[in-house]
Amino acid sequence: MPDKLFYPVMAAVALIMIALSLVWPQGIGSRSPAPFGKAVELPDVVRMERDRATREANKQAETARLAAEKAALKATEAQTAADPAAAQ
């Protein structure tokens, strides 16, 4: 094979291999760097578990907030009930 044909073909093959290495996932399960890789998508099970945990945390926070509001309302009512008795 003549050198005039061999070296340009090998240069093109090398460039194609370099370009392929930039877009091919790196290692086992790793994504390519930002300009080439895709966003990591979580499996449905993991996303469902995180959503469930978020809902539970929001539910507990709402329950705690309601309990604090009830306690504050009772304290206000007790103070209001005690004030007129002290004034008479």
Protein backbone atom coordinates (compact mmCIF):
# COMPACT_ATOMS: atom_id res chain seq x y z
CA MET A 1 0.00 0.00 0.00
CA PRO A 2 1.49 3.36 -0.95
CA ASP A 3 2.39 5.80 1.81
CA LYS A 4 0.35 8.56 0.14
CA LEU A 5 -2.82 6.54 0.78
CA PHE A 6 -1.92 4.78 4.05
CA TYR A 7 -1.08 7.80 6.22
CA PRO A 8 -4.13 9.93 5.34
CA VAL A 9 -6.41 6.91 5.94
CA MET A 10 -4.75 6.21 9.31
CA ALA A 11 -5.04 9.90 10.25
CA ALA A 12 -8.76 9.80 9.44
CA VAL A 13 -9.20 6.59 11.45
CA ALA A 14 -7.37 8.17 14.40
CA LEU A 15 -9.58 11.27 14.27
CA ILE A 16 -12.72 9.13 14.10
CA MET A 17 -11.54 7.09 17.11
CA ILE A 18 -10.81 10.27 19.09
CA ALA A 19 -14.24 11.69 18.25
CA LEU A 20 -15.88 8.42 19.27
CA SER A 21 -14.02 8.39 22.58
CA LEU A 22 -15.41 11.84 23.38
CA VAL A 23 -19.03 10.74 23.08
CA TRP A 24 -18.83 7.12 24.30
CA PRO A 25 -19.69 6.58 28.00
CA GLN A 26 -16.60 6.41 30.15
CA GLY A 27 -16.18 3.26 32.22
CA ILE A 28 -19.02 1.12 33.48
CA GLY A 29 -22.17 3.18 33.82
CA SER A 30 -20.43 6.55 33.77
CA ARG A 31 -21.68 9.34 31.55
CA SER A 32 -19.68 11.34 29.07
CA PRO A 33 -18.67 14.91 29.96
CA ALA A 34 -21.22 17.73 29.81
CA PRO A 35 -21.24 18.79 26.16
CA PHE A 36 -21.62 15.20 24.93
CA GLY A 37 -23.34 13.24 27.68
CA LYS A 38 -27.00 13.02 28.51
CA ALA A 39 -28.61 13.92 31.81
CA VAL A 40 -28.72 11.11 34.32
CA GLU A 41 -32.26 9.78 34.65
CA LEU A 42 -33.24 8.06 37.85
CA PRO A 43 -35.13 4.80 37.70
CA ASP A 44 -38.84 5.02 38.45
CA VAL A 45 -38.45 3.15 41.74
CA VAL A 46 -35.88 5.62 43.07
CA ARG A 47 -37.92 8.61 41.93
CA MET A 48 -41.05 7.11 43.52
CA GLU A 49 -39.26 6.54 46.85
CA ARG A 50 -37.93 10.12 46.89
CA ASP A 51 -41.38 11.51 46.12
CA ARG A 52 -42.89 9.39 48.90
CA ALA A 53 -40.27 10.61 51.38
CA THR A 54 -40.93 14.22 50.36
CA ARG A 55 -44.68 13.77 50.80
CA GLU A 56 -44.19 12.21 54.24
CA ALA A 57 -41.88 15.06 55.32
CA ASN A 58 -44.41 17.64 54.10
CA LYS A 59 -47.22 15.81 55.89
CA GLN A 60 -45.28 15.73 59.17
CA ALA A 61 -44.37 19.41 58.84
CA GLU A 62 -48.02 20.29 58.24
CA THR A 63 -49.11 18.22 61.25
CA ALA A 64 -46.51 19.95 63.44
CA ARG A 65 -47.59 23.35 62.16
CA LEU A 66 -51.25 22.63 62.90
CA ALA A 67 -50.38 21.38 66.40
CA ALA A 68 -48.39 24.55 67.06
CA GLU A 69 -51.29 26.71 65.84
CA LYS A 70 -53.74 24.84 68.10
CA ALA A 71 -51.42 25.25 71.08
CA ALA A 72 -51.03 28.96 70.38
CA LEU A 73 -54.83 29.34 70.01
CA LYS A 74 -55.44 27.55 73.33
CA ALA A 75 -52.82 29.71 75.03
CA THR A 76 -54.45 32.84 73.63
CA GLU A 77 -57.91 31.66 74.73
CA ALA A 78 -56.60 30.82 78.21
CA GLN A 79 -54.97 34.23 78.50
CA THR A 80 -58.13 35.97 77.28
CA ALA A 81 -60.25 34.00 79.74
CA ALA A 82 -57.88 34.88 82.61
CA ASP A 83 -57.73 38.62 81.81
CA PRO A 84 -61.43 39.45 82.35
CA ALA A 85 -61.46 37.45 85.58
CA ALA A 86 -58.46 39.41 86.88
CA ALA A 87 -60.02 42.73 85.84
CA GLN A 88 -63.26 42.13 87.83
